[in-house]
Full PDB file with SEQRES, HELIX, SHEET, SSBOND, CRYST1, ORIGX, SCALE, CONECT and MASTER records, all heavy atoms in Angstrom:
SEQRES   1 A   36  ALA SER PHE SER ARG PHE GLY GLY SER LYS VAL TYR ALA          
SEQRES   2 A   36  ASP SER VAL ARG GLY ARG PHE THR ILE SER ARG ASP ASN          
SEQRES   3 A   36  ALA LYS ASN THR LEU SER LEU LEU MET ASN                      
HELIX    1 AA1 ASN A   26  LYS A   28  5                                   3    
SHEET    1 AA1 2 SER A   2  SER A   4  0                                        
SHEET    2 AA1 2 SER A   9  VAL A  11 -1                                        
SHEET    1 AA2 2 PHE A  20  ASP A  25  0                                        
SHEET    2 AA2 2 THR A  30  MET A  35 -1                                        
CRYST1    1.000    1.000    1.000  90.00  90.00  90.00 P 1           1          
ORIGX1      1.000000  0.000000  0.000000        0.00000                         
ORIGX2      0.000000  1.000000  0.000000        0.00000                         
ORIGX3      0.000000  0.000000  1.000000        0.00000                         
SCALE1      1.000000  0.000000  0.000000        0.00000                         
SCALE2      0.000000  1.000000  0.000000        0.00000                         
SCALE3      0.000000  0.000000  1.000000        0.00000                         
ATOM      1  N   ALA A   1      -1.241   6.721  -1.423  1.00  0.00           N  
ATOM      2  CA  ALA A   1      -1.698   5.453  -1.385  1.00  0.00           C  
ATOM      3  C   ALA A   1      -2.357   5.123  -0.079  1.00  0.00           C  
ATOM      4  O   ALA A   1      -1.973   5.595   0.946  1.00  0.00           O  
ATOM      5  CB  ALA A   1      -0.725   4.401  -1.764  1.00  0.00           C  
ATOM      6  N   SER A   2      -3.233   4.090  -0.020  1.00  0.00           N  
ATOM      7  CA  SER A   2      -3.923   3.665   1.142  1.00  0.00           C  
ATOM      8  C   SER A   2      -4.216   2.149   1.168  1.00  0.00           C  
ATOM      9  O   SER A   2      -4.175   1.477   0.126  1.00  0.00           O  
ATOM     10  CB  SER A   2      -5.264   4.355   1.369  1.00  0.00           C  
ATOM     11  OG  SER A   2      -6.210   3.980   0.439  1.00  0.00           O  
ATOM     12  N   PHE A   3      -4.248   1.615   2.341  1.00  0.00           N  
ATOM     13  CA  PHE A   3      -4.465   0.186   2.498  1.00  0.00           C  
ATOM     14  C   PHE A   3      -5.536   0.042   3.582  1.00  0.00           C  
ATOM     15  O   PHE A   3      -5.395   0.458   4.748  1.00  0.00           O  
ATOM     16  CB  PHE A   3      -3.256  -0.534   2.955  1.00  0.00           C  
ATOM     17  CG  PHE A   3      -3.266  -1.981   2.901  1.00  0.00           C  
ATOM     18  CD1 PHE A   3      -2.264  -2.750   2.174  1.00  0.00           C  
ATOM     19  CD2 PHE A   3      -4.315  -2.721   3.607  1.00  0.00           C  
ATOM     20  CE1 PHE A   3      -2.386  -4.151   2.068  1.00  0.00           C  
ATOM     21  CE2 PHE A   3      -4.292  -4.164   3.413  1.00  0.00           C  
ATOM     22  CZ  PHE A   3      -3.348  -4.817   2.610  1.00  0.00           C  
ATOM     23  N   SER A   4      -6.707  -0.500   3.206  1.00  0.00           N  
ATOM     24  CA  SER A   4      -7.788  -0.704   4.132  1.00  0.00           C  
ATOM     25  C   SER A   4      -7.755  -2.020   4.785  1.00  0.00           C  
ATOM     26  O   SER A   4      -7.556  -3.096   3.976  1.00  0.00           O  
ATOM     27  CB  SER A   4      -9.204  -0.532   3.434  1.00  0.00           C  
ATOM     28  OG  SER A   4      -9.252   0.827   2.898  1.00  0.00           O  
ATOM     29  N   ARG A   5      -7.704  -2.156   6.041  1.00  0.00           N  
ATOM     30  CA  ARG A   5      -7.684  -3.520   6.841  1.00  0.00           C  
ATOM     31  C   ARG A   5      -8.681  -4.400   6.304  1.00  0.00           C  
ATOM     32  O   ARG A   5      -8.392  -5.625   6.003  1.00  0.00           O  
ATOM     33  CB  ARG A   5      -7.743  -3.196   8.187  1.00  0.00           C  
ATOM     34  CG  ARG A   5      -7.594  -4.515   9.080  1.00  0.00           C  
ATOM     35  CD  ARG A   5      -7.851  -4.351  10.532  1.00  0.00           C  
ATOM     36  NE  ARG A   5      -7.727  -5.506  11.271  1.00  0.00           N  
ATOM     37  CZ  ARG A   5      -8.099  -5.727  12.493  1.00  0.00           C  
ATOM     38  NH1 ARG A   5      -8.656  -4.646  13.146  1.00  0.00           N  
ATOM     39  NH2 ARG A   5      -7.983  -6.907  13.080  1.00  0.00           N  
ATOM     40  N   PHE A   6      -9.976  -4.094   6.336  1.00  0.00           N  
ATOM     41  CA  PHE A   6     -10.994  -4.915   6.061  1.00  0.00           C  
ATOM     42  C   PHE A   6     -11.165  -5.028   4.528  1.00  0.00           C  
ATOM     43  O   PHE A   6     -11.533  -4.055   3.873  1.00  0.00           O  
ATOM     44  CB  PHE A   6     -12.322  -4.567   6.747  1.00  0.00           C  
ATOM     45  CG  PHE A   6     -12.160  -4.538   8.274  1.00  0.00           C  
ATOM     46  CD1 PHE A   6     -11.994  -3.352   8.896  1.00  0.00           C  
ATOM     47  CD2 PHE A   6     -12.108  -5.689   8.911  1.00  0.00           C  
ATOM     48  CE1 PHE A   6     -12.006  -3.295  10.245  1.00  0.00           C  
ATOM     49  CE2 PHE A   6     -11.948  -5.727  10.300  1.00  0.00           C  
ATOM     50  CZ  PHE A   6     -11.854  -4.514  10.924  1.00  0.00           C  
ATOM     51  N   GLY A   7     -10.971  -6.278   3.878  1.00  0.00           N  
ATOM     52  CA  GLY A   7     -11.042  -6.444   2.488  1.00  0.00           C  
ATOM     53  C   GLY A   7      -9.751  -6.239   1.859  1.00  0.00           C  
ATOM     54  O   GLY A   7      -9.697  -6.747   0.708  1.00  0.00           O  
ATOM     55  N   GLY A   8      -8.743  -5.617   2.431  1.00  0.00           N  
ATOM     56  CA  GLY A   8      -7.462  -5.437   1.920  1.00  0.00           C  
ATOM     57  C   GLY A   8      -7.503  -4.554   0.670  1.00  0.00           C  
ATOM     58  O   GLY A   8      -6.613  -4.638  -0.133  1.00  0.00           O  
ATOM     59  N   SER A   9      -8.396  -3.623   0.657  1.00  0.00           N  
ATOM     60  CA  SER A   9      -8.536  -2.732  -0.544  1.00  0.00           C  
ATOM     61  C   SER A   9      -7.234  -1.758  -0.553  1.00  0.00           C  
ATOM     62  O   SER A   9      -6.946  -1.167   0.504  1.00  0.00           O  
ATOM     63  CB  SER A   9      -9.834  -1.935  -0.405  1.00  0.00           C  
ATOM     64  OG  SER A   9      -9.853  -0.995  -1.446  1.00  0.00           O  
ATOM     65  N   LYS A  10      -6.817  -1.562  -1.781  1.00  0.00           N  
ATOM     66  CA  LYS A  10      -5.596  -0.708  -1.940  1.00  0.00           C  
ATOM     67  C   LYS A  10      -6.037   0.394  -2.972  1.00  0.00           C  
ATOM     68  O   LYS A  10      -6.616   0.073  -3.975  1.00  0.00           O  
ATOM     69  CB  LYS A  10      -4.428  -1.460  -2.484  1.00  0.00           C  
ATOM     70  CG  LYS A  10      -3.903  -2.512  -1.481  1.00  0.00           C  
ATOM     71  CD  LYS A  10      -2.724  -3.162  -2.142  1.00  0.00           C  
ATOM     72  CE  LYS A  10      -2.270  -4.244  -1.189  1.00  0.00           C  
ATOM     73  NZ  LYS A  10      -1.122  -5.098  -1.818  1.00  0.00           N  
ATOM     74  N   VAL A  11      -5.734   1.717  -2.762  1.00  0.00           N  
ATOM     75  CA  VAL A  11      -6.000   2.804  -3.441  1.00  0.00           C  
ATOM     76  C   VAL A  11      -4.720   3.534  -3.849  1.00  0.00           C  
ATOM     77  O   VAL A  11      -3.973   3.872  -2.824  1.00  0.00           O  
ATOM     78  CB  VAL A  11      -7.055   3.612  -2.941  1.00  0.00           C  
ATOM     79  CG1 VAL A  11      -7.365   4.875  -3.881  1.00  0.00           C  
ATOM     80  CG2 VAL A  11      -8.396   2.883  -2.633  1.00  0.00           C  
ATOM     81  N   TYR A  12      -4.485   3.942  -5.088  1.00  0.00           N  
ATOM     82  CA  TYR A  12      -3.342   4.682  -5.400  1.00  0.00           C  
ATOM     83  C   TYR A  12      -3.719   6.029  -6.196  1.00  0.00           C  
ATOM     84  O   TYR A  12      -4.698   6.107  -6.853  1.00  0.00           O  
ATOM     85  CB  TYR A  12      -2.418   3.961  -6.391  1.00  0.00           C  
ATOM     86  CG  TYR A  12      -1.838   2.644  -5.702  1.00  0.00           C  
ATOM     87  CD1 TYR A  12      -2.560   1.480  -5.852  1.00  0.00           C  
ATOM     88  CD2 TYR A  12      -0.695   2.795  -5.067  1.00  0.00           C  
ATOM     89  CE1 TYR A  12      -1.988   0.353  -5.319  1.00  0.00           C  
ATOM     90  CE2 TYR A  12      -0.139   1.628  -4.488  1.00  0.00           C  
ATOM     91  CZ  TYR A  12      -0.759   0.402  -4.619  1.00  0.00           C  
ATOM     92  OH  TYR A  12      -0.274  -0.689  -4.031  1.00  0.00           O  
ATOM     93  N   ALA A  13      -2.939   6.981  -5.923  1.00  0.00           N  
ATOM     94  CA  ALA A  13      -3.173   8.331  -6.605  1.00  0.00           C  
ATOM     95  C   ALA A  13      -2.679   8.052  -8.077  1.00  0.00           C  
ATOM     96  O   ALA A  13      -1.906   7.115  -8.310  1.00  0.00           O  
ATOM     97  CB  ALA A  13      -2.254   9.401  -6.061  1.00  0.00           C  
ATOM     98  N   ASP A  14      -3.370   8.831  -8.875  1.00  0.00           N  
ATOM     99  CA  ASP A  14      -3.125   8.610 -10.382  1.00  0.00           C  
ATOM    100  C   ASP A  14      -1.600   8.784 -10.674  1.00  0.00           C  
ATOM    101  O   ASP A  14      -0.973   8.166 -11.519  1.00  0.00           O  
ATOM    102  CB  ASP A  14      -3.875   9.699 -11.216  1.00  0.00           C  
ATOM    103  CG  ASP A  14      -5.317   9.305 -11.240  1.00  0.00           C  
ATOM    104  OD1 ASP A  14      -5.751   8.130 -10.929  1.00  0.00           O  
ATOM    105  OD2 ASP A  14      -6.175  10.258 -11.538  1.00  0.00           O  
ATOM    106  N   SER A  15      -0.890   9.705  -9.917  1.00  0.00           N  
ATOM    107  CA  SER A  15       0.437  10.029 -10.233  1.00  0.00           C  
ATOM    108  C   SER A  15       1.478   8.922  -9.856  1.00  0.00           C  
ATOM    109  O   SER A  15       2.542   8.943 -10.331  1.00  0.00           O  
ATOM    110  CB  SER A  15       0.800  11.305  -9.436  1.00  0.00           C  
ATOM    111  OG  SER A  15       0.666  11.155  -8.067  1.00  0.00           O  
ATOM    112  N   VAL A  16       1.053   8.049  -9.095  1.00  0.00           N  
ATOM    113  CA  VAL A  16       1.848   6.984  -8.706  1.00  0.00           C  
ATOM    114  C   VAL A  16       1.410   5.481  -8.958  1.00  0.00           C  
ATOM    115  O   VAL A  16       2.276   4.551  -8.888  1.00  0.00           O  
ATOM    116  CB  VAL A  16       2.194   6.918  -7.141  1.00  0.00           C  
ATOM    117  CG1 VAL A  16       2.617   8.268  -6.647  1.00  0.00           C  
ATOM    118  CG2 VAL A  16       0.856   6.558  -6.380  1.00  0.00           C  
ATOM    119  N   ARG A  17       0.243   5.421  -9.525  1.00  0.00           N  
ATOM    120  CA  ARG A  17      -0.319   4.197  -9.819  1.00  0.00           C  
ATOM    121  C   ARG A  17       0.546   3.479 -10.988  1.00  0.00           C  
ATOM    122  O   ARG A  17       0.894   4.022 -11.947  1.00  0.00           O  
ATOM    123  CB  ARG A  17      -1.659   4.248 -10.394  1.00  0.00           C  
ATOM    124  CG  ARG A  17      -2.489   2.914 -10.677  1.00  0.00           C  
ATOM    125  CD  ARG A  17      -3.873   3.096 -11.109  1.00  0.00           C  
ATOM    126  NE  ARG A  17      -4.723   3.689  -9.996  1.00  0.00           N  
ATOM    127  CZ  ARG A  17      -5.102   4.949 -10.037  1.00  0.00           C  
ATOM    128  NH1 ARG A  17      -4.908   5.689 -11.204  1.00  0.00           N  
ATOM    129  NH2 ARG A  17      -5.858   5.581  -9.154  1.00  0.00           N  
ATOM    130  N   GLY A  18       0.855   2.207 -10.604  1.00  0.00           N  
ATOM    131  CA  GLY A  18       1.770   1.479 -11.667  1.00  0.00           C  
ATOM    132  C   GLY A  18       3.214   1.461 -11.225  1.00  0.00           C  
ATOM    133  O   GLY A  18       3.984   0.672 -11.665  1.00  0.00           O  
ATOM    134  N   ARG A  19       3.505   2.439 -10.274  1.00  0.00           N  
ATOM    135  CA  ARG A  19       4.939   2.568  -9.950  1.00  0.00           C  
ATOM    136  C   ARG A  19       5.141   2.246  -8.368  1.00  0.00           C  
ATOM    137  O   ARG A  19       6.187   1.679  -8.036  1.00  0.00           O  
ATOM    138  CB  ARG A  19       5.492   4.015 -10.226  1.00  0.00           C  
ATOM    139  CG  ARG A  19       5.465   4.303 -11.550  1.00  0.00           C  
ATOM    140  CD  ARG A  19       6.169   5.688 -11.906  1.00  0.00           C  
ATOM    141  NE  ARG A  19       5.442   6.766 -11.207  1.00  0.00           N  
ATOM    142  CZ  ARG A  19       6.102   7.478 -10.249  1.00  0.00           C  
ATOM    143  NH1 ARG A  19       7.281   7.329  -9.927  1.00  0.00           N  
ATOM    144  NH2 ARG A  19       5.400   8.545  -9.702  1.00  0.00           N  
ATOM    145  N   PHE A  20       4.124   2.728  -7.485  1.00  0.00           N  
ATOM    146  CA  PHE A  20       4.298   2.434  -6.153  1.00  0.00           C  
ATOM    147  C   PHE A  20       3.382   1.257  -5.667  1.00  0.00           C  
ATOM    148  O   PHE A  20       2.330   1.075  -6.260  1.00  0.00           O  
ATOM    149  CB  PHE A  20       3.823   3.731  -5.449  1.00  0.00           C  
ATOM    150  CG  PHE A  20       4.720   4.936  -5.529  1.00  0.00           C  
ATOM    151  CD1 PHE A  20       5.753   4.861  -6.435  1.00  0.00           C  
ATOM    152  CD2 PHE A  20       4.447   6.060  -4.721  1.00  0.00           C  
ATOM    153  CE1 PHE A  20       6.542   5.945  -6.647  1.00  0.00           C  
ATOM    154  CE2 PHE A  20       5.431   7.141  -4.823  1.00  0.00           C  
ATOM    155  CZ  PHE A  20       6.333   7.120  -5.784  1.00  0.00           C  
ATOM    156  N   THR A  21       3.761   0.551  -4.749  1.00  0.00           N  
ATOM    157  CA  THR A  21       3.053  -0.504  -4.152  1.00  0.00           C  
ATOM    158  C   THR A  21       2.966  -0.375  -2.578  1.00  0.00           C  
ATOM    159  O   THR A  21       3.990  -0.222  -1.935  1.00  0.00           O  
ATOM    160  CB  THR A  21       3.684  -1.809  -4.561  1.00  0.00           C  
ATOM    161  OG1 THR A  21       3.838  -2.085  -5.855  1.00  0.00           O  
ATOM    162  CG2 THR A  21       2.811  -3.022  -3.918  1.00  0.00           C  
ATOM    163  N   ILE A  22       1.784  -0.355  -2.127  1.00  0.00           N  
ATOM    164  CA  ILE A  22       1.635  -0.300  -0.622  1.00  0.00           C  
ATOM    165  C   ILE A  22       1.320  -1.660  -0.046  1.00  0.00           C  
ATOM    166  O   ILE A  22       0.821  -2.578  -0.740  1.00  0.00           O  
ATOM    167  CB  ILE A  22       0.422   0.689  -0.241  1.00  0.00           C  
ATOM    168  CG1 ILE A  22       0.443   0.968   1.307  1.00  0.00           C  
ATOM    169  CG2 ILE A  22      -0.865   0.006  -0.784  1.00  0.00           C  
ATOM    170  CD1 ILE A  22      -0.560   1.969   1.617  1.00  0.00           C  
ATOM    171  N   SER A  23       1.901  -1.999   1.135  1.00  0.00           N  
ATOM    172  CA  SER A  23       1.868  -3.168   1.600  1.00  0.00           C  
ATOM    173  C   SER A  23       1.933  -3.240   3.207  1.00  0.00           C  
ATOM    174  O   SER A  23       2.257  -2.194   3.806  1.00  0.00           O  
ATOM    175  CB  SER A  23       2.981  -4.218   1.208  1.00  0.00           C  
ATOM    176  OG  SER A  23       4.292  -3.782   1.532  1.00  0.00           O  
ATOM    177  N   ARG A  24       1.521  -4.338   3.883  1.00  0.00           N  
ATOM    178  CA  ARG A  24       1.504  -4.395   5.347  1.00  0.00           C  
ATOM    179  C   ARG A  24       2.328  -5.672   5.756  1.00  0.00           C  
ATOM    180  O   ARG A  24       2.214  -6.686   5.111  1.00  0.00           O  
ATOM    181  CB  ARG A  24       0.090  -4.560   5.816  1.00  0.00           C  
ATOM    182  CG  ARG A  24      -0.848  -3.407   5.592  1.00  0.00           C  
ATOM    183  CD  ARG A  24      -2.241  -3.789   5.973  1.00  0.00           C  
ATOM    184  NE  ARG A  24      -2.445  -4.423   7.220  1.00  0.00           N  
ATOM    185  CZ  ARG A  24      -2.935  -3.865   8.315  1.00  0.00           C  
ATOM    186  NH1 ARG A  24      -3.147  -2.696   8.389  1.00  0.00           N  
ATOM    187  NH2 ARG A  24      -3.104  -4.597   9.461  1.00  0.00           N  
ATOM    188  N   ASP A  25       2.936  -5.580   6.830  1.00  0.00           N  
ATOM    189  CA  ASP A  25       3.683  -6.460   7.437  1.00  0.00           C  
ATOM    190  C   ASP A  25       3.164  -6.703   8.816  1.00  0.00           C  
ATOM    191  O   ASP A  25       3.450  -6.033   9.772  1.00  0.00           O  
ATOM    192  CB  ASP A  25       5.089  -6.447   7.551  1.00  0.00           C  
ATOM    193  CG  ASP A  25       5.934  -7.574   8.004  1.00  0.00           C  
ATOM    194  OD1 ASP A  25       5.498  -8.388   8.885  1.00  0.00           O  
ATOM    195  OD2 ASP A  25       7.173  -7.730   7.579  1.00  0.00           O  
ATOM    196  N   ASN A  26       2.209  -7.693   8.929  1.00  0.00           N  
ATOM    197  CA  ASN A  26       1.375  -7.869  10.250  1.00  0.00           C  
ATOM    198  C   ASN A  26       2.319  -8.143  11.340  1.00  0.00           C  
ATOM    199  O   ASN A  26       2.043  -7.883  12.560  1.00  0.00           O  
ATOM    200  CB  ASN A  26       0.303  -8.855   9.994  1.00  0.00           C  
ATOM    201  CG  ASN A  26      -0.775  -8.350   9.045  1.00  0.00           C  
ATOM    202  OD1 ASN A  26      -1.054  -7.167   8.934  1.00  0.00           O  
ATOM    203  ND2 ASN A  26      -1.437  -9.212   8.330  1.00  0.00           N  
ATOM    204  N   ALA A  27       3.211  -9.002  11.134  1.00  0.00           N  
ATOM    205  CA  ALA A  27       4.186  -9.552  12.168  1.00  0.00           C  
ATOM    206  C   ALA A  27       5.004  -8.285  12.804  1.00  0.00           C  
ATOM    207  O   ALA A  27       5.386  -8.418  13.938  1.00  0.00           O  
ATOM    208  CB  ALA A  27       5.130 -10.575  11.667  1.00  0.00           C  
ATOM    209  N   LYS A  28       5.253  -7.306  11.928  1.00  0.00           N  
ATOM    210  CA  LYS A  28       6.161  -6.192  12.385  1.00  0.00           C  
ATOM    211  C   LYS A  28       5.402  -4.981  12.633  1.00  0.00           C  
ATOM    212  O   LYS A  28       5.846  -3.965  12.976  1.00  0.00           O  
ATOM    213  CB  LYS A  28       7.284  -6.002  11.384  1.00  0.00           C  
ATOM    214  CG  LYS A  28       8.201  -7.092  11.166  1.00  0.00           C  
ATOM    215  CD  LYS A  28       9.227  -6.725  10.184  1.00  0.00           C  
ATOM    216  CE  LYS A  28      10.215  -7.916  10.057  1.00  0.00           C  
ATOM    217  NZ  LYS A  28      11.401  -7.589   9.093  1.00  0.00           N  
ATOM    218  N   ASN A  29       3.959  -5.016  12.360  1.00  0.00           N  
ATOM    219  CA  ASN A  29       3.188  -3.861  12.555  1.00  0.00           C  
ATOM    220  C   ASN A  29       3.724  -2.650  11.798  1.00  0.00           C  
ATOM    221  O   ASN A  29       3.845  -1.672  12.205  1.00  0.00           O  
ATOM    222  CB  ASN A  29       3.050  -3.409  14.112  1.00  0.00           C  
ATOM    223  CG  ASN A  29       2.374  -4.469  14.955  1.00  0.00           C  
ATOM    224  OD1 ASN A  29       1.615  -5.219  14.425  1.00  0.00           O  
ATOM    225  ND2 ASN A  29       2.694  -4.492  16.222  1.00  0.00           N  
ATOM    226  N   THR A  30       4.021  -2.985  10.515  1.00  0.00           N  
ATOM    227  CA  THR A  30       4.679  -2.070   9.654  1.00  0.00           C  
ATOM    228  C   THR A  30       3.939  -1.846   8.329  1.00  0.00           C  
ATOM    229  O   THR A  30       3.457  -2.874   7.656  1.00  0.00           O  
ATOM    230  CB  THR A  30       6.093  -2.435   9.316  1.00  0.00           C  
ATOM    231  OG1 THR A  30       6.773  -2.593  10.500  1.00  0.00           O  
ATOM    232  CG2 THR A  30       6.882  -1.422   8.476  1.00  0.00           C  
ATOM    233  N   LEU A  31       3.693  -0.683   7.792  1.00  0.00           N  
ATOM    234  CA  LEU A  31       3.294  -0.287   6.572  1.00  0.00           C  
ATOM    235  C   LEU A  31       4.357   0.176   5.610  1.00  0.00           C  
ATOM    236  O   LEU A  31       5.192   1.004   6.224  1.00  0.00           O  
ATOM    237  CB  LEU A  31       2.256   0.857   6.779  1.00  0.00           C  
ATOM    238  CG  LEU A  31       1.504   1.233   5.517  1.00  0.00           C  
ATOM    239  CD1 LEU A  31       0.382   0.192   5.076  1.00  0.00           C  
ATOM    240  CD2 LEU A  31       0.891   2.686   5.680  1.00  0.00           C  
ATOM    241  N   SER A  32       4.434  -0.396   4.581  1.00  0.00           N  
ATOM    242  CA  SER A  32       5.512   0.049   3.615  1.00  0.00           C  
ATOM    243  C   SER A  32       5.107   0.568   2.270  1.00  0.00           C  
ATOM    244  O   SER A  32       3.864   0.290   1.985  1.00  0.00           O  
ATOM    245  CB  SER A  32       6.432  -1.155   3.409  1.00  0.00           C  
ATOM    246  OG  SER A  32       7.004  -1.652   4.477  1.00  0.00           O  
ATOM    247  N   LEU A  33       5.903   1.323   1.714  1.00  0.00           N  
ATOM    248  CA  LEU A  33       5.631   1.815   0.271  1.00  0.00           C  
ATOM    249  C   LEU A  33       6.848   1.571  -0.563  1.00  0.00           C  
ATOM    250  O   LEU A  33       7.999   2.189  -0.279  1.00  0.00           O  
ATOM    251  CB  LEU A  33       5.283   3.222   0.368  1.00  0.00           C  
ATOM    252  CG  LEU A  33       4.879   3.968  -0.908  1.00  0.00           C  
ATOM    253  CD1 LEU A  33       3.448   3.342  -1.362  1.00  0.00           C  
ATOM    254  CD2 LEU A  33       4.819   5.449  -0.894  1.00  0.00           C  
ATOM    255  N   LEU A  34       6.694   0.658  -1.507  1.00  0.00           N  
ATOM    256  CA  LEU A  34       7.812   0.416  -2.489  1.00  0.00           C  
ATOM    257  C   LEU A  34       7.526   1.390  -3.616  1.00  0.00           C  
ATOM    258  O   LEU A  34       6.517   1.361  -4.325  1.00  0.00           O  
ATOM    259  CB  LEU A  34       7.648  -1.005  -2.945  1.00  0.00           C  
ATOM    260  CG  LEU A  34       8.517  -1.357  -4.208  1.00  0.00           C  
ATOM    261  CD1 LEU A  34      10.033  -1.132  -3.700  1.00  0.00           C  
ATOM    262  CD2 LEU A  34       8.323  -2.873  -4.570  1.00  0.00           C  
ATOM    263  N   MET A  35       8.508   2.177  -3.880  1.00  0.00           N  
ATOM    264  CA  MET A  35       8.433   3.205  -4.975  1.00  0.00           C  
ATOM    265  C   MET A  35       9.430   2.853  -6.007  1.00  0.00           C  
ATOM    266  O   MET A  35      10.644   2.807  -5.764  1.00  0.00           O  
ATOM    267  CB  MET A  35       8.786   4.527  -4.429  1.00  0.00           C  
ATOM    268  CG  MET A  35       7.893   4.939  -3.280  1.00  0.00           C  
ATOM    269  SD  MET A  35       8.314   6.562  -2.521  1.00  0.00           S  
ATOM    270  CE  MET A  35       9.829   6.070  -1.674  1.00  0.00           C  
ATOM    271  N   ASN A  36       8.974   2.601  -7.168  1.00  0.00           N  
ATOM    272  CA  ASN A  36       9.843   2.213  -8.475  1.00  0.00           C  
ATOM    273  C   ASN A  36       9.752   3.364  -9.389  1.00  0.00           C  
ATOM    274  O   ASN A  36       8.820   4.228  -9.407  1.00  0.00           O  
ATOM    275  CB  ASN A  36       9.306   0.967  -9.010  1.00  0.00           C  
ATOM    276  CG  ASN A  36       9.322  -0.180  -8.194  1.00  0.00           C  
ATOM    277  OD1 ASN A  36      10.482  -0.491  -7.644  1.00  0.00           O  
ATOM    278  ND2 ASN A  36       8.465  -1.104  -8.198  1.00  0.00           N  
TER     279      ASN A  36                                                      
MASTER        0    0    0    1    4    0    0    6  278    1    0    3          
END                                                                             
């Protein structure tokens, strides 16, 4: 998965789409991946 800063575009691989969620926490300079 990816997260583009400008525009906030998110892209997921077919194998994880619908199950994984990518996100950013700007205050903590952290990129996360929630895997369900």
